[in-house]
C-alpha atoms as a PDB file:
ATOM      1  CA  MET A   1      -0.104  -0.049  -0.004  1.00  0.00           C
ATOM      2  CA  ALA A   2       2.833   2.471   0.934  1.00  0.00           C
ATOM      3  CA  ALA A   3       4.556   1.759  -2.400  1.00  0.00           C
ATOM      4  CA  LEU A   4       1.223   2.393  -4.217  1.00  0.00           C
ATOM      5  CA  VAL A   5       0.936   5.748  -2.712  1.00  0.00           C
ATOM      6  CA  LEU A   6       4.296   6.594  -3.572  1.00  0.00           C
ATOM      7  CA  THR A   7       4.132   5.507  -7.300  1.00  0.00           C
ATOM      8  CA  ALA A   8       0.456   5.719  -8.119  1.00  0.00           C
ATOM      9  CA  ILE A   9      -0.430   9.213  -6.662  1.00  0.00           C
ATOM     10  CA  ASN A  10       0.257  12.584  -8.352  1.00  0.00           C
ATOM     11  CA  ASP A  11      -1.141  14.781  -5.917  1.00  0.00           C
ATOM     12  CA  PRO A  12       1.279  16.857  -4.087  1.00  0.00           C
ATOM     13  CA  ARG A  13      -0.867  16.860  -1.058  1.00  0.00           C
ATOM     14  CA  ALA A  14      -0.082  13.374  -0.656  1.00  0.00           C
ATOM     15  CA  ALA A  15       3.631  13.756  -1.015  1.00  0.00           C
ATOM     16  CA  GLY A  16       5.337  13.173   2.508  1.00  0.00           C
ATOM     17  CA  ALA A  17       2.405  10.972   3.957  1.00  0.00           C
ATOM     18  CA  THR A  18       3.153   7.921   6.059  1.00  0.00           C
ATOM     19  CA  LEU A  19       0.874   5.036   6.160  1.00  0.00           C
ATOM     20  CA  THR A  20       0.858   3.998   9.908  1.00  0.00           C
ATOM     21  CA  GLU A  21      -1.544   1.150  10.072  1.00  0.00           C
ATOM     22  CA  VAL A  22      -4.390  -0.604   7.962  1.00  0.00           C
ATOM     23  CA  ASP A  23      -7.141  -2.356   9.429  1.00  0.00           C
ATOM     24  CA  VAL A  24      -8.906  -4.732   7.149  1.00  0.00           C
ATOM     25  CA  SER A  25     -12.553  -5.940   7.919  1.00  0.00           C
ATOM     26  CA  PRO A  26     -12.935  -9.679   8.420  1.00  0.00           C
ATOM     27  CA  ASP A  27     -14.868  -9.898   5.026  1.00  0.00           C
ATOM     28  CA  LEU A  28     -11.893  -7.797   3.180  1.00  0.00           C
ATOM     29  CA  LYS A  29     -14.686  -5.606   1.859  1.00  0.00           C
ATOM     30  CA  GLN A  30     -13.083  -2.452   3.520  1.00  0.00           C
ATOM     31  CA  ALA A  31      -9.770  -1.422   4.718  1.00  0.00           C
ATOM     32  CA  ARG A  32      -9.159   1.588   6.684  1.00  0.00           C
ATOM     33  CA  VAL A  33      -5.765   3.032   6.199  1.00  0.00           C
ATOM     34  CA  TYR A  34      -4.379   5.507   8.865  1.00  0.00           C
ATOM     35  CA  VAL A  35      -2.056   8.303   7.706  1.00  0.00           C
ATOM     36  CA  THR A  36       0.323  10.668   9.284  1.00  0.00           C
ATOM     37  CA  HIS A  37       2.684  13.303   8.049  1.00  0.00           C
ATOM     38  CA  HIS A  38       6.006  14.890   9.022  1.00  0.00           C
ATOM     39  CA  ARG A  39       4.754  18.372   8.867  1.00  0.00           C
ATOM     40  CA  GLY A  40       2.004  17.742  11.275  1.00  0.00           C
ATOM     41  CA  GLU A  41      -1.878  17.434  11.608  1.00  0.00           C
ATOM     42  CA  GLU A  42      -3.164  19.896   8.909  1.00  0.00           C
ATOM     43  CA  ALA A  43      -0.531  18.315   6.151  1.00  0.00           C
ATOM     44  CA  ALA A  44      -2.006  14.778   7.395  1.00  0.00           C
ATOM     45  CA  ARG A  45      -5.369  15.858   6.838  1.00  0.00           C
ATOM     46  CA  GLU A  46      -4.700  17.206   3.470  1.00  0.00           C
ATOM     47  CA  ALA A  47      -3.056  13.948   2.472  1.00  0.00           C
ATOM     48  CA  VAL A  48      -6.064  12.106   3.744  1.00  0.00           C
ATOM     49  CA  LYS A  49      -8.139  14.227   1.482  1.00  0.00           C
ATOM     50  CA  ALA A  50      -5.832  13.648  -1.538  1.00  0.00           C
ATOM     51  CA  LEU A  51      -5.832   9.859  -0.563  1.00  0.00           C
ATOM     52  CA  ASN A  52      -9.590   9.458  -0.364  1.00  0.00           C
ATOM     53  CA  ARG A  53     -10.050  11.284  -3.598  1.00  0.00           C
ATOM     54  CA  ALA A  54      -7.839   8.784  -5.293  1.00  0.00           C
ATOM     55  CA  SER A  55      -8.959   5.905  -3.463  1.00  0.00           C
ATOM     56  CA  GLY A  56     -10.599   4.369  -6.355  1.00  0.00           C
ATOM     57  CA  HIS A  57      -7.520   4.455  -8.608  1.00  0.00           C
ATOM     58  CA  LEU A  58      -5.446   2.828  -5.744  1.00  0.00           C
ATOM     59  CA  ARG A  59      -8.146   0.387  -5.207  1.00  0.00           C
ATOM     60  CA  HIS A  60      -7.722  -0.651  -8.827  1.00  0.00           C
ATOM     61  CA  GLU A  61      -4.024  -0.476  -8.793  1.00  0.00           C
ATOM     62  CA  LEU A  62      -4.128  -2.847  -5.480  1.00  0.00           C
ATOM     63  CA  ALA A  63      -6.353  -5.389  -7.041  1.00  0.00           C
ATOM     64  CA  ALA A  64      -3.912  -5.613 -10.177  1.00  0.00           C
ATOM     65  CA  ARG A  65      -0.879  -6.216  -7.804  1.00  0.00           C
ATOM     66  CA  LEU A  66      -2.485  -8.680  -5.419  1.00  0.00           C
ATOM     67  CA  ILE A  67      -4.524 -11.735  -5.892  1.00  0.00           C
ATOM     68  CA  LEU A  68      -7.511 -11.335  -3.783  1.00  0.00           C
ATOM     69  CA  ARG A  69     -11.029 -12.511  -4.062  1.00  0.00           C
ATOM     70  CA  VAL A  70     -12.227  -9.207  -3.008  1.00  0.00           C
ATOM     71  CA  SER A  71     -10.553  -5.749  -3.435  1.00  0.00           C
ATOM     72  CA  PRO A  72     -11.387  -3.689  -0.425  1.00  0.00           C
ATOM     73  CA  HIS A  73     -12.814  -0.309  -0.376  1.00  0.00           C
ATOM     74  CA  LEU A  74     -10.158   2.016   0.817  1.00  0.00           C
ATOM     75  CA  VAL A  75     -10.883   4.660   3.595  1.00  0.00           C
ATOM     76  CA  PHE A  76      -7.865   6.900   4.537  1.00  0.00           C
ATOM     77  CA  THR A  77      -8.012   8.270   8.129  1.00  0.00           C
ATOM     78  CA  TYR A  78      -5.785  10.894  10.095  1.00  0.00           C
ATOM     79  CA  ASP A  79      -4.026   9.053  12.772  1.00  0.00           C
ATOM     80  CA  PRO A  80      -3.073  11.190  15.651  1.00  0.00           C
ATOM     81  CA  SER A  81      -1.122   8.759  17.557  1.00  0.00           C
ATOM     82  CA  VAL A  82       2.263   9.807  16.350  1.00  0.00           C
ATOM     83  CA  ASP A  83       1.521  13.551  17.096  1.00  0.00           C
ATOM     84  CA  GLN A  84       0.200  12.482  20.378  1.00  0.00           C
ATOM     85  CA  GLY A  85       3.472  10.725  21.071  1.00  0.00           C
ATOM     86  CA  PHE A  86       5.592  13.543  20.338  1.00  0.00           C
ATOM     87  CA  ARG A  87       3.481  15.954  22.644  1.00  0.00           C
ATOM     88  CA  ILE A  88       3.918  13.353  25.334  1.00  0.00           C
ATOM     89  CA  ASP A  89       7.571  13.094  24.828  1.00  0.00           C
ATOM     90  CA  ALA A  90       8.178  16.760  24.926  1.00  0.00           C
ATOM     91  CA  LEU A  91       6.201  16.875  28.208  1.00  0.00           C
ATOM     92  CA  ILE A  92       8.230  14.334  29.727  1.00  0.00           C
ATOM     93  CA  ARG A  93      11.618  16.013  28.693  1.00  0.00           C
ATOM     94  CA  LYS A  94      10.282  19.440  30.038  1.00  0.00           C
ATOM     95  CA  ALA A  95       9.265  17.809  33.337  1.00  0.00           C
ATOM     96  CA  ARG A  96      12.630  16.106  33.744  1.00  0.00           C
ATOM     97  CA  ALA A  97      14.494  19.433  32.847  1.00  0.00           C
ATOM     98  CA  GLU A  98      12.321  21.088  35.507  1.00  0.00           C
ATOM     99  CA  ASP A  99      13.106  18.500  37.951  1.00  0.00           C
ATOM    100  CA  GLY A 100      16.831  18.873  37.237  1.00  0.00           C
ATOM    101  CA  GLY A 101      17.157  15.434  35.561  1.00  0.00           C
ATOM    102  CA  GLU A 102      18.593  14.777  32.410  1.00  0.00           C
ATOM    103  CA  PRO A 103      16.827  16.447  29.318  1.00  0.00           C
END
């Protein structure tokens, strides 16, 4: 999936997007693809819009590359966990620095 996003999408909003997880329904009819971006939440949300717009094309390309009985409908969603992790890490570093511990 990540290789498809890199090669099959020409929308600049999708450039720099990182796919963090894919949840596929048990019947393989739907796949929820979680997306983050190195430039933050706003860039990730723009990438999600671009990827959802291109989801039909990506589904077609995926079906051509994989031998599947059913090609899943792709739904792209922003994944806040990476940004939350960075915020938590920053808070921990700040607390350690204030306590006189190592940064």
